[in-house]
Amino acid sequence: AVLLDGATGQPLNVNRMQRSANLTQRIALFASELVCSAPNCDRPQLECEVHHLDPWIRGGLTNLVNLTHQCFNHHPRNDDSRSGVNGKGFMDRDPVTGRVGHYPVGGEGPVFNRSAAADRSGGAWARRKHHGPPPTPPDPPDPPEPPGPGDEGRLF
């Protein structure tokens, strides 16, 4: 079965009919992600491959919710078996936010791409519009005051 966009008739989900993402899916991924979804990567879509989060070989569907961009550097570093072989983590969609993130071996949860390029994507824009800006990390503490005159022998 193929899911078509009601207004344009373009295929959005092709399930198991084809392995490769179609042009409509690639455009939708580009609008949503803009760059590789690996943490801190700013490689543009032109330097990426479309990756199945649930692997095609294990029955994964060629549907937008199961696809993400992975650059030529990060795609081979993904462990589709999710067993942690060779210290590799895997990419998956966070069940809480719906955002694609990297799950490192032994890690606590997804690590998202927070690069400046990823922040310019349509998906980031939609998240900001719906949820507001992401929380900013706290400012580092102020450095200690330098010793003044006559403080040479004091311990601080």
N, C-alpha and C. Protein backbone atom coordinates (compact mmCIF):
# COMPACT_ATOMS: atom_id res chain seq x y z
N ALA A 1 0.84 -1.18 0.00
CA ALA A 1 0.00 0.00 0.00
C ALA A 1 0.88 1.24 0.00
N VAL A 2 0.40 2.27 -0.62
CA VAL A 2 1.09 3.55 -0.69
C VAL A 2 0.17 4.61 -0.12
N LEU A 3 0.71 5.47 0.76
CA LEU A 3 -0.06 6.58 1.29
C LEU A 3 0.24 7.81 0.44
N LEU A 4 -0.81 8.40 -0.12
CA LEU A 4 -0.65 9.56 -0.98
C LEU A 4 -1.08 10.83 -0.25
N ASP A 5 -0.41 11.93 -0.56
CA ASP A 5 -0.82 13.23 -0.06
C ASP A 5 -2.17 13.56 -0.71
N GLY A 6 -3.15 13.94 0.12
CA GLY A 6 -4.50 14.19 -0.38
C GLY A 6 -4.59 15.34 -1.36
N ALA A 7 -3.74 16.34 -1.23
CA ALA A 7 -3.83 17.51 -2.10
C ALA A 7 -3.06 17.33 -3.40
N THR A 8 -1.88 16.68 -3.33
CA THR A 8 -1.03 16.60 -4.52
C THR A 8 -1.00 15.22 -5.17
N GLY A 9 -1.42 14.19 -4.43
CA GLY A 9 -1.34 12.84 -4.95
C GLY A 9 0.06 12.25 -4.90
N GLN A 10 1.02 12.97 -4.30
CA GLN A 10 2.39 12.49 -4.21
C GLN A 10 2.50 11.41 -3.13
N PRO A 11 3.29 10.36 -3.38
CA PRO A 11 3.44 9.31 -2.38
C PRO A 11 4.26 9.78 -1.18
N LEU A 12 3.71 9.60 0.03
CA LEU A 12 4.42 9.95 1.26
C LEU A 12 5.02 8.72 1.92
N ASN A 13 4.27 7.64 1.95
CA ASN A 13 4.73 6.39 2.54
C ASN A 13 4.60 5.30 1.49
N VAL A 14 5.66 4.53 1.31
CA VAL A 14 5.63 3.46 0.32
C VAL A 14 5.80 2.09 0.98
N ASN A 15 5.84 2.07 2.31
CA ASN A 15 5.93 0.84 3.09
C ASN A 15 7.02 -0.08 2.57
N ARG A 16 6.67 -1.29 2.11
CA ARG A 16 7.67 -2.25 1.64
C ARG A 16 7.73 -2.31 0.11
N MET A 17 7.09 -1.37 -0.58
CA MET A 17 7.09 -1.41 -2.04
C MET A 17 8.45 -1.05 -2.63
N GLN A 18 9.19 -0.18 -1.96
CA GLN A 18 10.53 0.17 -2.42
C GLN A 18 11.40 0.51 -1.22
N ARG A 19 12.69 0.22 -1.36
CA ARG A 19 13.63 0.46 -0.27
C ARG A 19 14.09 1.92 -0.23
N SER A 20 14.35 2.48 -1.38
CA SER A 20 14.87 3.84 -1.46
C SER A 20 13.77 4.87 -1.26
N ALA A 21 14.13 5.95 -0.58
CA ALA A 21 13.18 7.05 -0.40
C ALA A 21 12.91 7.71 -1.75
N ASN A 22 11.65 8.08 -1.96
CA ASN A 22 11.31 8.74 -3.21
C ASN A 22 11.59 10.24 -3.09
N LEU A 23 11.42 10.96 -4.18
CA LEU A 23 11.72 12.39 -4.20
C LEU A 23 10.89 13.16 -3.18
N THR A 24 9.62 12.85 -3.07
CA THR A 24 8.75 13.55 -2.12
C THR A 24 9.24 13.34 -0.69
N GLN A 25 9.63 12.12 -0.36
CA GLN A 25 10.15 11.83 0.98
C GLN A 25 11.45 12.57 1.22
N ARG A 26 12.32 12.63 0.23
CA ARG A 26 13.60 13.34 0.37
C ARG A 26 13.38 14.83 0.59
N ILE A 27 12.42 15.41 -0.11
CA ILE A 27 12.11 16.82 0.07
C ILE A 27 11.55 17.06 1.47
N ALA A 28 10.68 16.18 1.93
CA ALA A 28 10.11 16.31 3.28
C ALA A 28 11.20 16.19 4.34
N LEU A 29 12.14 15.24 4.17
CA LEU A 29 13.25 15.10 5.11
C LEU A 29 14.14 16.34 5.09
N PHE A 30 14.38 16.86 3.90
CA PHE A 30 15.19 18.07 3.79
C PHE A 30 14.55 19.22 4.56
N ALA A 31 13.25 19.40 4.38
CA ALA A 31 12.55 20.49 5.08
C ALA A 31 12.59 20.28 6.58
N SER A 32 12.46 19.05 7.01
CA SER A 32 12.41 18.75 8.44
C SER A 32 13.78 18.82 9.11
N GLU A 33 14.80 18.23 8.48
CA GLU A 33 16.11 18.07 9.13
C GLU A 33 17.21 18.97 8.58
N LEU A 34 17.21 19.22 7.30
CA LEU A 34 18.18 20.07 6.61
C LEU A 34 19.58 19.47 6.53
N VAL A 35 20.02 18.79 7.60
CA VAL A 35 21.38 18.25 7.67
C VAL A 35 21.35 16.85 8.28
N CYS A 36 22.51 16.23 8.37
CA CYS A 36 22.66 14.93 9.03
C CYS A 36 22.08 15.02 10.45
N SER A 37 21.41 13.98 10.89
CA SER A 37 20.77 14.01 12.22
C SER A 37 21.71 13.60 13.35
N ALA A 38 22.96 13.25 13.05
CA ALA A 38 23.91 12.89 14.10
C ALA A 38 24.25 14.12 14.95
N PRO A 39 24.51 13.93 16.23
CA PRO A 39 24.80 15.07 17.11
C PRO A 39 25.93 15.95 16.59
N ASN A 40 25.67 17.25 16.59
CA ASN A 40 26.64 18.29 16.21
C ASN A 40 27.16 18.20 14.78
N CYS A 41 26.47 17.50 13.91
CA CYS A 41 26.90 17.39 12.51
C CYS A 41 26.15 18.43 11.68
N ASP A 42 26.87 19.11 10.81
CA ASP A 42 26.22 20.11 9.97
C ASP A 42 26.39 19.79 8.48
N ARG A 43 26.63 18.51 8.17
CA ARG A 43 26.74 18.09 6.77
C ARG A 43 25.38 18.25 6.10
N PRO A 44 25.33 18.93 4.95
CA PRO A 44 24.04 19.14 4.27
C PRO A 44 23.49 17.86 3.66
N GLN A 45 22.22 17.91 3.33
CA GLN A 45 21.53 16.75 2.78
C GLN A 45 22.25 16.18 1.56
N LEU A 46 22.86 17.03 0.76
CA LEU A 46 23.55 16.55 -0.44
C LEU A 46 24.70 15.60 -0.10
N GLU A 47 25.20 15.66 1.12
CA GLU A 47 26.28 14.78 1.56
C GLU A 47 25.76 13.68 2.49
N CYS A 48 24.48 13.39 2.38
CA CYS A 48 23.84 12.40 3.25
C CYS A 48 23.16 11.30 2.45
N GLU A 49 22.94 10.20 3.15
CA GLU A 49 22.12 9.11 2.64
C GLU A 49 20.87 9.05 3.51
N VAL A 50 19.81 8.50 2.96
CA VAL A 50 18.60 8.31 3.75
C VAL A 50 18.75 6.99 4.51
N HIS A 51 18.55 7.06 5.81
CA HIS A 51 18.75 5.91 6.70
C HIS A 51 17.40 5.47 7.26
N HIS A 52 17.15 4.15 7.24
CA HIS A 52 15.97 3.58 7.88
C HIS A 52 16.26 3.40 9.38
N LEU A 53 15.48 4.01 10.24
CA LEU A 53 15.67 3.86 11.69
C LEU A 53 15.43 2.41 12.10
N ASP A 54 14.32 1.85 11.66
CA ASP A 54 14.06 0.42 11.81
C ASP A 54 14.54 -0.19 10.49
N PRO A 55 15.63 -0.95 10.49
CA PRO A 55 16.29 -1.36 9.25
C PRO A 55 15.37 -2.07 8.26
N TRP A 56 15.57 -1.75 7.00
CA TRP A 56 14.81 -2.36 5.91
C TRP A 56 14.97 -3.88 5.94
N ILE A 57 16.17 -4.36 6.19
CA ILE A 57 16.44 -5.80 6.19
C ILE A 57 15.67 -6.53 7.28
N ARG A 58 15.25 -5.81 8.31
CA ARG A 58 14.47 -6.40 9.40
C ARG A 58 12.99 -6.03 9.31
N GLY A 59 12.56 -5.62 8.15
CA GLY A 59 11.15 -5.33 7.94
C GLY A 59 10.77 -3.87 8.08
N GLY A 60 11.76 -2.97 8.26
CA GLY A 60 11.47 -1.55 8.38
C GLY A 60 10.82 -0.99 7.12
N LEU A 61 9.94 -0.04 7.31
CA LEU A 61 9.18 0.54 6.20
C LEU A 61 9.86 1.79 5.67
N THR A 62 9.63 2.05 4.39
CA THR A 62 10.13 3.28 3.78
C THR A 62 9.04 4.34 3.95
N ASN A 63 8.87 4.78 5.18
CA ASN A 63 7.89 5.79 5.55
C ASN A 63 8.61 6.93 6.23
N LEU A 64 8.11 8.12 6.10
CA LEU A 64 8.78 9.30 6.65
C LEU A 64 9.13 9.14 8.12
N VAL A 65 8.26 8.56 8.91
CA VAL A 65 8.52 8.42 10.34
C VAL A 65 9.67 7.46 10.62
N ASN A 66 10.06 6.67 9.64
CA ASN A 66 11.14 5.70 9.81
C ASN A 66 12.42 6.12 9.09
N LEU A 67 12.49 7.34 8.60
CA LEU A 67 13.64 7.79 7.81
C LEU A 67 14.33 8.98 8.47
N THR A 68 15.63 9.09 8.23
CA THR A 68 16.41 10.24 8.67
C THR A 68 17.60 10.38 7.74
N HIS A 69 18.29 11.52 7.81
CA HIS A 69 19.52 11.73 7.06
C HIS A 69 20.72 11.30 7.89
N GLN A 70 21.67 10.64 7.26
CA GLN A 70 22.94 10.30 7.87
C GLN A 70 24.03 10.60 6.84
N CYS A 71 25.02 11.40 7.23
CA CYS A 71 26.10 11.73 6.30
C CYS A 71 26.98 10.50 6.07
N PHE A 72 27.84 10.62 5.08
CA PHE A 72 28.70 9.48 4.71
C PHE A 72 29.66 9.11 5.83
N ASN A 73 29.91 10.01 6.76
CA ASN A 73 30.76 9.72 7.91
C ASN A 73 29.98 9.00 9.02
N HIS A 74 28.77 9.44 9.31
CA HIS A 74 28.01 8.88 10.43
C HIS A 74 27.19 7.63 10.08
N HIS A 75 26.76 7.50 8.83
CA HIS A 75 25.93 6.35 8.46
C HIS A 75 26.61 5.01 8.77
N PRO A 76 27.89 4.83 8.45
CA PRO A 76 28.54 3.54 8.78
C PRO A 76 28.74 3.33 10.27
N ARG A 77 28.61 4.36 11.07
CA ARG A 77 28.81 4.24 12.52
C ARG A 77 27.54 3.83 13.25
N ASN A 78 26.48 3.56 12.52
CA ASN A 78 25.21 3.17 13.12
C ASN A 78 25.13 1.65 13.25
N ASP A 79 24.70 1.17 14.40
CA ASP A 79 24.56 -0.26 14.65
C ASP A 79 23.09 -0.64 14.51
N ASP A 80 22.73 -1.15 13.34
CA ASP A 80 21.34 -1.54 13.10
C ASP A 80 20.87 -2.66 14.01
N SER A 81 21.79 -3.48 14.52
CA SER A 81 21.39 -4.57 15.41
C SER A 81 21.08 -4.07 16.81
N ARG A 82 21.54 -2.86 17.12
CA ARG A 82 21.33 -2.23 18.43
C ARG A 82 21.92 -3.06 19.57
N SER A 83 22.96 -3.81 19.26
CA SER A 83 23.61 -4.66 20.26
C SER A 83 24.84 -4.01 20.87
N GLY A 84 25.26 -2.86 20.35
CA GLY A 84 26.45 -2.19 20.85
C GLY A 84 27.74 -2.74 20.28
N VAL A 85 27.65 -3.53 19.22
CA VAL A 85 28.84 -4.13 18.61
C VAL A 85 29.83 -3.02 18.23
N ASN A 86 31.10 -3.25 18.52
CA ASN A 86 32.17 -2.31 18.22
C ASN A 86 31.94 -0.93 18.82
N GLY A 87 31.18 -0.86 19.90
CA GLY A 87 30.95 0.42 20.57
C GLY A 87 30.06 1.37 19.81
N LYS A 88 29.32 0.86 18.83
CA LYS A 88 28.46 1.72 18.02
C LYS A 88 27.10 1.89 18.68
N GLY A 89 26.58 3.08 18.62
CA GLY A 89 25.22 3.35 19.03
C GLY A 89 24.29 3.28 17.82
N PHE A 90 23.11 3.82 17.97
CA PHE A 90 22.15 3.77 16.87
C PHE A 90 21.27 5.01 16.88
N MET A 91 20.66 5.27 15.74
CA MET A 91 19.74 6.39 15.60
C MET A 91 18.31 5.85 15.77
N ASP A 92 17.47 6.64 16.46
CA ASP A 92 16.06 6.27 16.60
C ASP A 92 15.26 7.52 16.91
N ARG A 93 13.97 7.39 16.82
CA ARG A 93 13.07 8.49 17.11
C ARG A 93 12.72 8.45 18.60
N ASP A 94 12.90 9.57 19.29
CA ASP A 94 12.58 9.68 20.70
C ASP A 94 11.07 9.54 20.86
N PRO A 95 10.60 8.59 21.69
CA PRO A 95 9.14 8.38 21.82
C PRO A 95 8.43 9.56 22.48
N VAL A 96 9.14 10.40 23.20
CA VAL A 96 8.51 11.54 23.87
C VAL A 96 8.37 12.73 22.93
N THR A 97 9.46 13.09 22.25
CA THR A 97 9.46 14.28 21.41
C THR A 97 9.20 13.99 19.94
N GLY A 98 9.43 12.75 19.50
CA GLY A 98 9.30 12.41 18.09
C GLY A 98 10.51 12.81 17.27
N ARG A 99 11.51 13.38 17.90
CA ARG A 99 12.71 13.84 17.21
C ARG A 99 13.72 12.71 17.10
N VAL A 100 14.46 12.67 15.99
CA VAL A 100 15.49 11.65 15.80
C VAL A 100 16.73 12.04 16.59
N GLY A 101 17.28 11.06 17.31
CA GLY A 101 18.50 11.29 18.08
C GLY A 101 19.38 10.06 18.07
N HIS A 102 20.59 10.24 18.55
CA HIS A 102 21.56 9.15 18.62
C HIS A 102 21.53 8.55 20.04
N TYR A 103 21.42 7.24 20.10
CA TYR A 103 21.43 6.52 21.37
C TYR A 103 22.80 5.86 21.50
N PRO A 104 23.72 6.45 22.29
CA PRO A 104 25.05 5.86 22.43
C PRO A 104 25.01 4.56 23.24
N VAL A 105 26.01 3.72 23.03
CA VAL A 105 26.11 2.47 23.79
C VAL A 105 26.21 2.82 25.27
N GLY A 106 25.35 2.25 26.08
CA GLY A 106 25.36 2.49 27.51
C GLY A 106 24.90 3.87 27.91
N GLY A 107 24.44 4.65 26.93
CA GLY A 107 23.98 6.01 27.22
C GLY A 107 22.59 6.01 27.81
N GLU A 108 22.18 7.16 28.26
CA GLU A 108 20.89 7.26 28.92
C GLU A 108 19.75 7.61 27.99
N GLY A 109 20.01 8.05 26.84
CA GLY A 109 18.91 8.42 25.97
C GLY A 109 19.41 9.14 24.75
N PRO A 110 18.53 9.70 23.99
CA PRO A 110 18.96 10.28 22.73
C PRO A 110 19.78 11.55 22.92
N VAL A 111 20.77 11.68 22.05
CA VAL A 111 21.56 12.90 21.96
C VAL A 111 21.18 13.51 20.61
N PHE A 112 20.66 14.72 20.64
CA PHE A 112 20.14 15.35 19.43
C PHE A 112 21.19 16.23 18.76
N ASN A 113 20.97 16.48 17.48
CA ASN A 113 21.83 17.39 16.74
C ASN A 113 21.41 18.81 17.10
N ARG A 114 22.28 19.53 17.78
CA ARG A 114 22.01 20.91 18.18
C ARG A 114 22.94 21.89 17.45
N SER A 115 23.41 21.49 16.27
CA SER A 115 24.29 22.38 15.51
C SER A 115 23.50 23.57 15.00
N ALA A 116 24.21 24.64 14.64
CA ALA A 116 23.55 25.84 14.12
C ALA A 116 22.78 25.51 12.84
N ALA A 117 23.33 24.62 12.01
CA ALA A 117 22.64 24.25 10.77
C ALA A 117 21.34 23.50 11.07
N ALA A 118 21.37 22.58 12.02
CA ALA A 118 20.15 21.84 12.38
C ALA A 118 19.11 22.78 12.98
N ASP A 119 19.57 23.83 13.67
CA ASP A 119 18.67 24.79 14.30
C ASP A 119 17.94 25.65 13.26
N ARG A 120 18.43 25.66 12.02
CA ARG A 120 17.77 26.42 10.95
C ARG A 120 16.76 25.58 10.17
N SER A 121 16.61 24.31 10.54
CA SER A 121 15.71 23.42 9.80
C SER A 121 14.25 23.74 10.08
N GLY A 122 13.39 23.26 9.20
CA GLY A 122 11.96 23.43 9.40
C GLY A 122 11.46 22.72 10.65
N GLY A 123 12.05 21.56 10.95
CA GLY A 123 11.66 20.84 12.16
C GLY A 123 11.98 21.63 13.41
N ALA A 124 13.17 22.27 13.44
CA ALA A 124 13.55 23.09 14.59
C ALA A 124 12.63 24.30 14.71
N TRP A 125 12.28 24.90 13.58
CA TRP A 125 11.37 26.04 13.59
C TRP A 125 10.02 25.63 14.18
N ALA A 126 9.51 24.48 13.74
CA ALA A 126 8.21 24.01 14.24
C ALA A 126 8.27 23.71 15.74
N ARG A 127 9.37 23.10 16.20
CA ARG A 127 9.50 22.83 17.64
C ARG A 127 9.53 24.11 18.45
N ARG A 128 10.27 25.13 17.95
CA ARG A 128 10.31 26.42 18.67
C ARG A 128 8.94 27.07 18.70
N LYS A 129 8.23 26.99 17.59
CA LYS A 129 6.90 27.61 17.52
C LYS A 129 5.94 26.92 18.47
N HIS A 130 6.02 25.62 18.57
CA HIS A 130 5.09 24.86 19.40
C HIS A 130 5.50 24.84 20.87
N HIS A 131 6.79 24.67 21.13
CA HIS A 131 7.27 24.49 22.52
C HIS A 131 8.06 25.67 23.06
N GLY A 132 8.37 26.66 22.23
CA GLY A 132 9.22 27.76 22.66
C GLY A 132 10.67 27.39 22.48
N PRO A 133 11.59 28.33 22.76
CA PRO A 133 13.01 28.04 22.56
C PRO A 133 13.49 26.96 23.52
N PRO A 134 14.51 26.20 23.10
CA PRO A 134 15.05 25.18 24.01
C PRO A 134 15.68 25.85 25.22
N PRO A 135 15.72 25.16 26.35
CA PRO A 135 16.32 25.77 27.53
C PRO A 135 17.80 26.06 27.28
N THR A 136 18.24 27.18 27.80
CA THR A 136 19.65 27.52 27.66
C THR A 136 20.42 26.94 28.83
N PRO A 137 21.64 26.48 28.57
CA PRO A 137 22.42 25.93 29.68
C PRO A 137 22.76 27.05 30.67
N PRO A 138 22.96 26.72 31.94
CA PRO A 138 23.29 27.75 32.92
C PRO A 138 24.65 28.37 32.62
N ASP A 139 24.80 29.64 33.02
CA ASP A 139 26.07 30.32 32.85
C ASP A 139 27.11 29.69 33.77
N PRO A 140 28.36 29.65 33.31
CA PRO A 140 29.41 29.11 34.20
C PRO A 140 29.60 30.05 35.39
N PRO A 141 30.08 29.53 36.52
CA PRO A 141 30.28 30.39 37.69
C PRO A 141 31.37 31.42 37.41
N ASP A 142 31.27 32.55 38.09
CA ASP A 142 32.29 33.59 37.95
C ASP A 142 33.62 33.08 38.51
N PRO A 143 34.73 33.49 37.88
CA PRO A 143 36.04 33.07 38.41
C PRO A 143 36.28 33.74 39.76
N PRO A 144 37.11 33.12 40.60
CA PRO A 144 37.39 33.73 41.90
C PRO A 144 38.14 35.05 41.73
N GLU A 145 37.96 35.90 42.71
CA GLU A 145 38.65 37.20 42.69
C GLU A 145 40.14 36.96 42.81
N PRO A 146 40.94 37.70 42.03
CA PRO A 146 42.40 37.54 42.17
C PRO A 146 42.84 38.12 43.51
N PRO A 147 43.92 37.60 44.06
CA PRO A 147 44.40 38.12 45.34
C PRO A 147 44.79 39.59 45.19
N GLY A 148 44.50 40.35 46.21
CA GLY A 148 44.84 41.77 46.22
C GLY A 148 46.18 42.00 46.88
N PRO A 149 46.61 43.26 46.97
CA PRO A 149 47.90 43.56 47.60
C PRO A 149 47.85 43.15 49.07
N GLY A 150 48.89 42.53 49.54
CA GLY A 150 48.98 42.10 50.93
C GLY A 150 48.35 40.74 51.17
N ASP A 151 47.80 40.11 50.16
CA ASP A 151 47.16 38.80 50.34
C ASP A 151 48.09 37.66 49.95
N GLU A 152 49.38 37.94 49.73
CA GLU A 152 50.29 36.92 49.23
C GLU A 152 50.38 35.69 50.13
N GLY A 153 50.31 35.86 51.43
CA GLY A 153 50.47 34.75 52.36
C GLY A 153 49.16 34.10 52.78
N ARG A 154 48.01 34.66 52.37
CA ARG A 154 46.72 34.10 52.80
C ARG A 154 46.30 32.94 51.93
N LEU A 155 45.64 31.99 52.53
CA LEU A 155 45.06 30.86 51.78
C LEU A 155 43.60 31.18 51.50
N PHE A 156 43.16 30.90 50.35
CA PHE A 156 41.77 31.17 49.96
C PHE A 156 41.02 29.90 49.78
